[in-house]
Amino acid sequence: MNKQQIERVIRMESYLDESCAAIGELSEALEKYESILDKYYELEEYYGNGDWMDDYDADRAGEFPDDLKRGVLSEDAVYDLITEHIELVTRLQKAVQRCMEIEPDNK
């Protein structure tokens, strides 16, 4: 029995467990993310095409009911989400690039 081999197998087993869990969680998160992309891009368009400003102005003029949920009309919520999305996409691109450089050629 080789102590180094046993330690290596134990270490690799923990890497397998961690990797399976992380990849499973990422897969679930990616499915959820992909399912909302059309809605996200519609929200982004709403924010940039003038409709958001029209609704913002109407809200400030008191034209909406007081009990209407309207966090989307806050001055920062959509902008912050767009900024966070850009940062996330950049991280994803870097992660994919790293994986492409590391993954063996499976062709």
Protein backbone atom coordinates (compact mmCIF):
# COMPACT_ATOMS: atom_id res chain seq x y z
CA MET A 1 0.00 0.00 0.00
CA ASN A 2 1.49 3.32 -1.11
CA LYS A 3 0.62 6.22 1.24
CA GLN A 4 1.05 8.83 -1.52
CA GLN A 5 -1.38 6.99 -3.79
CA ILE A 6 -3.97 6.73 -1.04
CA GLU A 7 -3.64 10.45 -0.28
CA ARG A 8 -3.91 11.22 -3.99
CA VAL A 9 -7.06 9.12 -4.37
CA ILE A 10 -8.59 10.79 -1.31
CA ARG A 11 -7.75 14.23 -2.72
CA MET A 12 -9.06 13.39 -6.19
CA GLU A 13 -12.25 11.94 -4.67
CA SER A 14 -12.87 15.25 -2.89
CA TYR A 15 -12.21 17.10 -6.17
CA LEU A 16 -14.75 14.84 -7.89
CA ASP A 17 -17.36 15.51 -5.22
CA GLU A 18 -16.80 19.29 -5.31
CA SER A 19 -16.74 19.39 -9.11
CA CYS A 20 -19.94 17.35 -9.47
CA ALA A 21 -21.75 19.62 -7.02
CA ALA A 22 -20.50 22.85 -8.58
CA ILE A 23 -21.18 21.76 -12.16
CA GLY A 24 -24.66 20.57 -11.19
CA GLU A 25 -25.43 23.91 -9.52
CA LEU A 26 -24.03 25.83 -12.48
CA SER A 27 -26.12 23.77 -14.89
CA GLU A 28 -29.29 24.53 -12.93
CA ALA A 29 -28.42 28.22 -12.71
CA LEU A 30 -27.64 28.34 -16.43
CA GLU A 31 -30.99 26.75 -17.26
CA LYS A 32 -32.78 29.36 -15.13
CA TYR A 33 -30.70 32.17 -16.67
CA GLU A 34 -31.38 30.98 -20.21
CA SER A 35 -35.11 30.78 -19.44
CA ILE A 36 -35.29 34.51 -18.55
CA LEU A 37 -33.01 35.94 -21.25
CA ASP A 38 -35.85 37.06 -23.53
CA LYS A 39 -37.50 38.82 -20.59
CA TYR A 40 -34.21 40.40 -19.56
CA TYR A 41 -33.59 41.78 -23.05
CA GLU A 42 -37.15 43.09 -23.21
CA LEU A 43 -36.53 44.87 -19.88
CA GLU A 44 -33.26 46.27 -21.22
CA GLU A 45 -35.04 47.55 -24.33
CA TYR A 46 -37.80 49.09 -22.16
CA TYR A 47 -35.15 50.94 -20.17
CA GLY A 48 -33.42 52.28 -23.27
CA ASN A 49 -36.22 53.05 -25.71
CA GLY A 50 -37.96 55.90 -23.88
CA ASP A 51 -40.82 53.88 -22.41
CA TRP A 52 -39.10 53.72 -19.04
CA MET A 53 -38.71 57.50 -18.94
CA ASP A 54 -42.37 57.97 -19.89
CA ASP A 55 -43.42 55.64 -17.07
CA TYR A 56 -40.97 57.28 -14.65
CA ASP A 57 -42.40 60.71 -15.43
CA ALA A 58 -45.97 59.43 -15.09
CA ASP A 59 -45.09 57.96 -11.70
CA ARG A 60 -43.55 61.23 -10.53
CA ALA A 61 -46.72 63.02 -11.67
CA GLY A 62 -48.79 60.70 -9.47
CA GLU A 63 -50.55 58.94 -12.35
CA PHE A 64 -50.10 55.42 -10.95
CA PRO A 65 -51.98 53.88 -8.03
CA ASP A 66 -50.17 54.08 -4.70
CA ASP A 67 -50.27 50.30 -4.28
CA LEU A 68 -48.62 49.58 -7.66
CA LYS A 69 -45.31 47.76 -7.26
CA ARG A 70 -42.86 49.80 -9.30
CA GLY A 71 -39.30 49.06 -8.29
CA VAL A 72 -38.56 48.99 -12.01
CA LEU A 73 -39.05 52.76 -11.97
CA SER A 74 -36.37 53.41 -9.37
CA GLU A 75 -33.51 55.38 -10.79
CA ASP A 76 -30.94 52.62 -10.28
CA ALA A 77 -32.59 49.18 -10.30
CA VAL A 78 -32.56 48.44 -14.04
CA TYR A 79 -29.27 50.26 -14.65
CA ASP A 80 -27.61 48.27 -11.85
CA LEU A 81 -29.01 45.03 -13.26
CA ILE A 82 -27.67 45.84 -16.73
CA THR A 83 -24.26 46.63 -15.27
CA GLU A 84 -24.27 43.41 -13.27
CA HIS A 85 -25.30 41.46 -16.37
CA ILE A 86 -22.42 42.91 -18.39
CA GLU A 87 -19.99 41.93 -15.63
CA LEU A 88 -21.48 38.43 -15.48
CA VAL A 89 -21.23 37.92 -19.23
CA THR A 90 -17.60 39.05 -19.11
CA ARG A 91 -16.90 36.53 -16.32
CA LEU A 92 -18.63 33.79 -18.30
CA GLN A 93 -16.58 34.61 -21.40
CA LYS A 94 -13.36 34.40 -19.40
CA ALA A 95 -14.41 31.12 -17.78
CA VAL A 96 -15.32 29.59 -21.15
CA GLN A 97 -12.04 30.80 -22.67
CA ARG A 98 -10.11 29.23 -19.81
CA CYS A 99 -11.99 25.95 -20.23
CA MET A 100 -11.32 25.99 -23.98
CA GLU A 101 -7.60 26.43 -23.31
CA ILE A 102 -7.48 23.64 -20.71
CA GLU A 103 -9.87 21.05 -22.15
CA PRO A 104 -8.18 18.30 -24.17
CA ASP A 105 -9.01 18.17 -27.85
CA ASN A 106 -12.02 15.87 -28.00
CA LYS A 107 -12.49 15.97 -31.77
